[in-house]
Amino acid sequence: MAQPSLFMATLALMSRRKAENSVESFETYRTYLFSIAYRMLGSAMDAEDMVQETYLRYQSTPIETIHSLKAYLTTILTRLCMDQLQLARRKRELYVGPWLPEPILTTEMDETDDPEKRVDMQESISLAFLVLLEQLQPFERAVFLLREIFGYEFPEIATMLDKSEAACRRSFSRARLHLRTHRPRFPASPQLHQQLLNGFQQAVSAGEMTPLMNMLAEDVTFWADGGGKVKGAATHELVGRVPVARFLLGTRRFWPEGYSPEVEEVNGQVALIVRVGEKAFSVMTIEVEQERIRAIRIVANPEKLARV
């Protein structure tokens, strides 16, 4: 009787170790998978759901059928995100006011040790870049991210997305052309970016029209994502130096009484987080070109502020 018990105990131990190894193997790629899903969806909550669904599908797959774990997980995740993006777009048609991505703190995020690659990764997670990605079709978005940001070759991408290599190349070219056309030609240095952000906050807080106008580009654009939950938030974009300045100084609703401003790295760039107590009230980012603020984005929907 002792031998069968020992045999069963050994089997149980082996099974337990196999399960632990499976979890550990998946955990190796969890952060990487989230970085893809977040760039695909612009929502940390949805990205976490897609990563978890990928894990569940991985668990139900015989391990011997997986030749490359990273490629397998990337394939499952990307296809899930493409489906989710279709659903999300239909929901966003009913969204109150402008929709902006969910901001996340990235102060301690280090996705690569390569300095040049780190700059690319930070730019690809900025709110401005994620907004541009929203204008792409899900397939174009997936191809562009897998090729440009995560470095996959076109034959690999074609296999992952079950499309021809030629179709992937065409979609990548369209996506790259669109993004190149709409991105700033002369982006500001981090130092100037932070200087303008600080000056902007001071001018709005003090209600000073002239200093604020001097920082804004003539065609500056302003978006505020309140999700219908912030009273008085603009429900459409504002364009032009005068309308934007007047709105900001006339309402100052994004700077509530008793607020405290914090400058933090959000989505790879310095941003202004407005807090009331310990709770985030809003997150503001700016886009700078030719030493002027060309775009202002404020996320105030409380459902999107959990990660800041």
Protein backbone atom coordinates (compact mmCIF):
# COMPACT_ATOMS: atom_id res chain seq x y z
CA MET A 1 0.00 0.00 0.00
CA ALA A 2 2.91 2.36 0.67
CA GLN A 3 4.18 2.24 -2.92
CA PRO A 4 0.89 3.42 -4.56
CA SER A 5 0.62 6.21 -1.99
CA LEU A 6 4.17 7.29 -2.73
CA PHE A 7 3.47 7.08 -6.46
CA MET A 8 0.33 9.20 -6.15
CA ALA A 9 2.12 11.75 -3.98
CA THR A 10 4.91 12.01 -6.55
CA LEU A 11 2.38 12.50 -9.34
CA ALA A 12 0.62 15.19 -7.33
CA LEU A 13 3.92 16.96 -6.68
CA MET A 14 4.87 16.82 -10.38
CA SER A 15 1.44 18.12 -11.34
CA ARG A 16 1.72 20.95 -8.84
CA ARG A 17 5.18 21.91 -10.10
CA LYS A 18 3.98 21.82 -13.69
CA ALA A 19 1.14 24.16 -12.80
CA GLU A 20 3.51 26.50 -10.98
CA ASN A 21 5.87 26.51 -13.95
CA SER A 22 2.96 27.31 -16.29
CA VAL A 23 1.93 30.27 -14.16
CA GLU A 24 5.52 31.44 -13.92
CA SER A 25 5.95 31.21 -17.69
CA PHE A 26 2.84 33.28 -18.27
CA GLU A 27 3.82 35.77 -15.58
CA THR A 28 7.08 36.35 -17.45
CA TYR A 29 5.04 38.01 -20.19
CA ARG A 30 2.19 39.60 -18.22
CA THR A 31 3.64 43.15 -18.25
CA TYR A 32 4.56 42.78 -21.92
CA LEU A 33 1.04 41.63 -22.79
CA PHE A 34 -0.48 44.53 -20.87
CA SER A 35 1.71 46.97 -22.78
CA ILE A 36 0.31 45.66 -26.07
CA ALA A 37 -3.29 45.53 -24.86
CA TYR A 38 -3.22 49.05 -23.41
CA ARG A 39 -1.86 50.52 -26.63
CA MET A 40 -4.49 48.60 -28.58
CA LEU A 41 -7.42 49.67 -26.41
CA GLY A 42 -6.49 52.89 -24.60
CA SER A 43 -8.09 51.46 -21.46
CA ALA A 44 -6.16 49.92 -18.59
CA MET A 45 -9.26 48.16 -17.30
CA ASP A 46 -10.02 46.56 -20.67
CA ALA A 47 -6.33 45.73 -21.15
CA GLU A 48 -6.23 43.82 -17.86
CA ASP A 49 -9.38 41.93 -18.86
CA MET A 50 -7.79 40.92 -22.18
CA VAL A 51 -4.61 39.77 -20.44
CA GLN A 52 -6.66 37.65 -18.04
CA GLU A 53 -8.69 36.16 -20.89
CA THR A 54 -5.41 35.32 -22.65
CA TYR A 55 -4.27 33.52 -19.52
CA LEU A 56 -7.46 31.48 -19.35
CA ARG A 57 -7.09 30.41 -22.96
CA TYR A 58 -3.46 29.57 -22.37
CA GLN A 59 -4.40 27.36 -19.44
CA SER A 60 -6.81 25.35 -21.56
CA THR A 61 -4.24 24.76 -24.32
CA PRO A 62 -2.05 21.60 -24.23
CA ILE A 63 1.44 22.85 -23.48
CA GLU A 64 3.03 20.52 -26.04
CA THR A 65 1.16 22.28 -28.86
CA ILE A 66 2.76 25.66 -28.08
CA HIS A 67 6.03 26.12 -30.00
CA SER A 68 6.75 29.71 -28.92
CA LEU A 69 5.00 30.89 -25.78
CA LYS A 70 5.60 34.59 -26.47
CA ALA A 71 4.27 34.36 -30.03
CA TYR A 72 1.30 32.26 -28.92
CA LEU A 73 0.30 34.68 -26.14
CA THR A 74 0.79 37.69 -28.42
CA THR A 75 -1.42 36.10 -31.08
CA ILE A 76 -4.25 35.32 -28.66
CA LEU A 77 -4.06 38.72 -26.98
CA THR A 78 -3.95 40.74 -30.21
CA ARG A 79 -6.96 38.95 -31.70
CA LEU A 80 -8.91 39.44 -28.47
CA CYS A 81 -8.04 43.14 -28.48
CA MET A 82 -9.17 43.56 -32.08
CA ASP A 83 -12.55 42.07 -31.20
CA GLN A 84 -12.78 44.18 -28.05
CA LEU A 85 -11.91 47.32 -30.00
CA GLN A 86 -14.86 46.74 -32.32
CA LEU A 87 -17.20 46.49 -29.31
CA ALA A 88 -15.62 49.50 -27.61
CA ARG A 89 -16.08 51.69 -30.67
CA ARG A 90 -19.80 50.99 -30.74
CA LYS A 91 -20.05 51.94 -27.05
CA ARG A 92 -18.05 55.13 -27.60
CA GLU A 93 -20.62 56.33 -30.14
CA LEU A 94 -22.90 56.85 -27.12
CA TYR A 95 -20.20 58.42 -24.95
CA VAL A 96 -21.02 61.90 -23.62
CA GLY A 97 -18.48 64.39 -24.91
CA PRO A 98 -14.97 63.68 -26.21
CA TRP A 99 -13.51 60.27 -25.39
CA LEU A 100 -9.88 60.21 -24.25
CA PRO A 101 -7.72 57.23 -23.24
CA GLU A 102 -7.45 56.22 -19.60
CA PRO A 103 -4.29 57.80 -18.11
CA ILE A 104 -1.76 55.68 -16.22
CA LEU A 105 1.25 56.61 -14.11
CA THR A 106 4.48 55.58 -15.83
CA THR A 107 7.09 56.97 -13.42
CA GLU A 108 8.41 53.51 -12.58
CA MET A 109 7.58 51.84 -15.88
CA ASP A 110 10.71 50.62 -17.68
CA GLU A 111 9.84 48.42 -20.64
CA THR A 112 13.36 48.32 -22.07
CA ASP A 113 16.97 49.09 -21.13
CA ASP A 114 17.70 50.57 -24.59
CA PRO A 115 17.53 54.41 -24.26
CA GLU A 116 16.41 54.97 -27.86
CA LYS A 117 13.84 52.21 -27.66
CA ARG A 118 12.61 53.61 -24.33
CA VAL A 119 11.88 56.97 -25.99
CA ASP A 120 9.85 55.23 -28.70
CA MET A 121 7.94 53.20 -26.11
CA GLN A 122 7.17 56.32 -24.07
CA GLU A 123 5.95 58.22 -27.11
CA SER A 124 3.78 55.30 -28.19
CA ILE A 125 1.96 55.36 -24.85
CA SER A 126 1.32 59.14 -24.75
CA LEU A 127 -2.29 60.28 -24.74
CA ALA A 128 -1.70 62.22 -27.96
CA PHE A 129 -0.41 59.11 -29.74
CA LEU A 130 -3.19 56.89 -28.38
CA VAL A 131 -5.74 59.40 -29.67
CA LEU A 132 -4.19 59.12 -33.14
CA LEU A 133 -4.29 55.32 -32.92
CA GLU A 134 -8.05 55.59 -32.30
CA GLN A 135 -8.43 56.85 -35.86
CA LEU A 136 -7.03 53.60 -37.29
CA GLN A 137 -9.02 50.48 -38.03
CA PRO A 138 -8.41 47.66 -35.51
CA PHE A 139 -6.39 45.62 -38.02
CA GLU A 140 -4.26 48.63 -38.99
CA ARG A 141 -3.69 49.44 -35.33
CA ALA A 142 -2.60 45.90 -34.55
CA VAL A 143 -0.23 45.69 -37.53
CA PHE A 144 1.34 49.06 -36.79
CA LEU A 145 1.93 48.35 -33.12
CA LEU A 146 3.29 44.84 -33.66
CA ARG A 147 5.70 46.05 -36.36
CA GLU A 148 6.71 49.56 -35.30
CA ILE A 149 6.63 49.31 -31.51
CA PHE A 150 7.17 45.64 -30.70
CA GLY A 151 9.46 44.76 -33.60
CA TYR A 152 7.74 41.77 -35.21
CA GLU A 153 8.51 40.93 -38.83
CA PHE A 154 5.70 40.96 -41.40
CA PRO A 155 5.63 37.14 -41.87
CA GLU A 156 5.15 36.77 -38.09
CA ILE A 157 2.42 39.39 -38.03
CA ALA A 158 0.64 37.75 -40.96
CA THR A 159 0.59 34.45 -39.08
CA MET A 160 -0.59 36.06 -35.85
CA LEU A 161 -3.47 37.91 -37.53
CA ASP A 162 -4.27 35.20 -40.09
CA LYS A 163 -3.82 37.59 -43.01
CA SER A 164 -1.50 37.73 -45.99
CA GLU A 165 1.88 39.37 -45.65
CA ALA A 166 0.95 41.77 -48.46
CA ALA A 167 -2.19 42.88 -46.59
CA CYS A 168 -0.15 43.51 -43.47
CA ARG A 169 2.38 45.60 -45.38
CA ARG A 170 -0.35 47.70 -47.00
CA SER A 171 -2.08 48.32 -43.67
CA PHE A 172 1.20 49.25 -42.03
CA SER A 173 2.00 51.78 -44.77
CA ARG A 174 -1.44 53.41 -44.45
CA ALA A 175 -1.18 53.58 -40.67
CA ARG A 176 2.34 55.01 -40.70
CA LEU A 177 1.39 57.66 -43.27
CA HIS A 178 -1.64 58.72 -41.24
CA LEU A 179 0.32 58.96 -38.00
CA ARG A 180 3.22 60.77 -39.61
CA THR A 181 0.85 63.36 -41.12
CA HIS A 182 -0.82 64.18 -37.81
CA ARG A 183 2.13 64.09 -35.40
CA PRO A 184 4.10 67.24 -34.49
CA ARG A 185 6.96 67.92 -36.89
CA PHE A 186 9.08 69.63 -34.24
CA PRO A 187 8.25 68.20 -30.79
CA ALA A 188 9.46 70.08 -27.74
CA SER A 189 12.21 69.04 -25.39
CA PRO A 190 11.13 67.58 -22.02
CA GLN A 191 12.45 70.72 -20.32
CA LEU A 192 10.34 73.10 -22.43
CA HIS A 193 7.36 70.78 -22.11
CA GLN A 194 7.50 70.94 -18.32
CA GLN A 195 8.17 74.69 -18.34
CA LEU A 196 5.03 75.34 -20.39
CA LEU A 197 3.00 72.94 -18.26
CA ASN A 198 4.03 74.76 -15.07
CA GLY A 199 3.39 78.15 -16.63
CA PHE A 200 -0.01 77.03 -17.87
CA GLN A 201 -1.06 75.85 -14.42
CA GLN A 202 0.10 79.09 -12.79
CA ALA A 203 -1.67 81.30 -15.34
CA VAL A 204 -4.97 79.43 -15.04
CA SER A 205 -4.80 79.33 -11.23
CA ALA A 206 -4.15 83.07 -11.08
CA GLY A 207 -6.69 83.88 -13.79
CA GLU A 208 -4.09 85.69 -15.92
CA MET A 209 -5.27 85.98 -19.51
CA THR A 210 -2.19 87.52 -21.14
CA PRO A 211 0.41 84.98 -19.93
CA LEU A 212 -1.98 82.15 -20.85
CA MET A 213 -2.59 83.52 -24.35
CA ASN A 214 1.15 83.88 -24.90
CA MET A 215 1.65 80.16 -24.28
CA LEU A 216 -1.11 78.95 -26.60
CA ALA A 217 -0.75 78.31 -30.32
CA GLU A 218 -3.14 80.23 -32.55
CA ASP A 219 -4.96 77.00 -33.49
CA VAL A 220 -4.73 75.32 -30.09
CA THR A 221 -7.29 72.56 -29.50
CA PHE A 222 -8.85 71.66 -26.15
CA TRP A 223 -10.56 68.39 -25.19
CA ALA A 224 -12.13 67.54 -21.83
CA ASP A 225 -13.28 63.99 -21.10
CA GLY A 226 -15.81 64.16 -18.28
CA GLY A 227 -17.87 61.21 -19.49
CA GLY A 228 -21.03 63.09 -18.59
CA LYS A 229 -20.05 62.91 -14.92
CA VAL A 230 -18.39 66.33 -14.50
CA LYS A 231 -20.79 69.26 -14.38
CA GLY A 232 -20.08 71.95 -16.93
CA ALA A 233 -17.35 70.05 -18.81
CA ALA A 234 -17.19 70.93 -22.51
CA THR A 235 -19.04 68.29 -24.53
CA HIS A 236 -17.15 69.11 -27.73
CA GLU A 237 -13.65 70.19 -28.65
CA LEU A 238 -12.72 73.88 -28.58
CA VAL A 239 -10.38 75.32 -31.21
CA GLY A 240 -8.51 78.62 -31.17
CA ARG A 241 -6.48 80.62 -28.67
CA VAL A 242 -9.26 82.99 -27.59
CA PRO A 243 -12.10 80.43 -27.13
CA VAL A 244 -9.82 78.04 -25.24
CA ALA A 245 -8.37 80.73 -22.95
CA ARG A 246 -11.79 82.19 -22.21
CA PHE A 247 -13.23 78.78 -21.39
CA LEU A 248 -10.37 77.86 -19.08
CA LEU A 249 -10.36 81.16 -17.20
CA GLY A 250 -14.11 81.62 -17.27
CA THR A 251 -14.91 78.31 -15.63
CA ARG A 252 -11.77 76.92 -13.97
CA ARG A 253 -13.96 73.95 -13.08
CA PHE A 254 -11.00 71.58 -13.44
CA TRP A 255 -9.28 73.38 -10.57
CA PRO A 256 -11.76 72.91 -7.70
CA GLU A 257 -11.53 74.69 -4.35
CA GLY A 258 -8.88 73.21 -2.08
CA TYR A 259 -7.08 71.40 -4.89
CA SER A 260 -3.39 70.55 -4.89
CA PRO A 261 -1.45 70.25 -8.17
CA GLU A 262 1.09 67.48 -8.72
CA VAL A 263 3.41 67.10 -11.70
CA GLU A 264 3.87 63.41 -12.46
CA GLU A 265 4.90 61.28 -15.40
CA VAL A 266 1.67 60.09 -17.00
CA ASN A 267 1.75 57.99 -20.16
CA GLY A 268 5.44 58.69 -20.64
CA GLN A 269 5.19 62.49 -20.37
CA VAL A 270 4.96 65.06 -17.60
CA ALA A 271 1.34 65.83 -16.74
CA LEU A 272 -0.58 67.83 -14.17
CA ILE A 273 -2.66 65.80 -11.73
CA VAL A 274 -5.19 67.84 -9.78
CA ARG A 275 -6.05 66.25 -6.44
CA VAL A 276 -8.60 67.03 -3.77
CA GLY A 277 -7.19 65.33 -0.70
CA GLU A 278 -5.72 62.06 -1.93
CA LYS A 279 -8.28 61.64 -4.70
CA ALA A 280 -7.42 62.54 -8.29
CA PHE A 281 -9.91 65.04 -9.69
CA SER A 282 -8.41 65.40 -13.17
CA VAL A 283 -5.32 64.74 -15.28
CA MET A 284 -4.13 67.31 -17.78
CA THR A 285 -1.59 66.80 -20.55
CA ILE A 286 -0.35 69.23 -23.18
CA GLU A 287 1.12 68.81 -26.63
CA VAL A 288 3.82 71.29 -27.58
CA GLU A 289 5.15 72.36 -30.96
CA GLN A 290 7.29 75.36 -31.93
CA GLU A 291 7.41 76.53 -28.28
CA ARG A 292 3.62 76.83 -28.00
CA ILE A 293 0.90 74.62 -26.57
CA ARG A 294 -0.97 73.19 -29.55
CA ALA A 295 -3.27 70.77 -27.70
CA ILE A 296 -4.68 70.41 -24.19
CA ARG A 297 -6.33 67.21 -22.99
CA ILE A 298 -8.04 66.87 -19.63
CA VAL A 299 -9.39 63.57 -18.32
CA ALA A 300 -11.86 64.14 -15.48
CA ASN A 301 -14.15 61.11 -15.80
CA PRO A 302 -13.73 59.58 -12.31
CA GLU A 303 -14.00 56.07 -13.78
CA LYS A 304 -10.75 56.69 -15.66
CA LEU A 305 -8.66 58.02 -12.76
CA ALA A 306 -8.12 54.86 -10.71
CA ARG A 307 -4.51 54.44 -11.89
CA VAL A 308 -3.41 57.95 -10.99
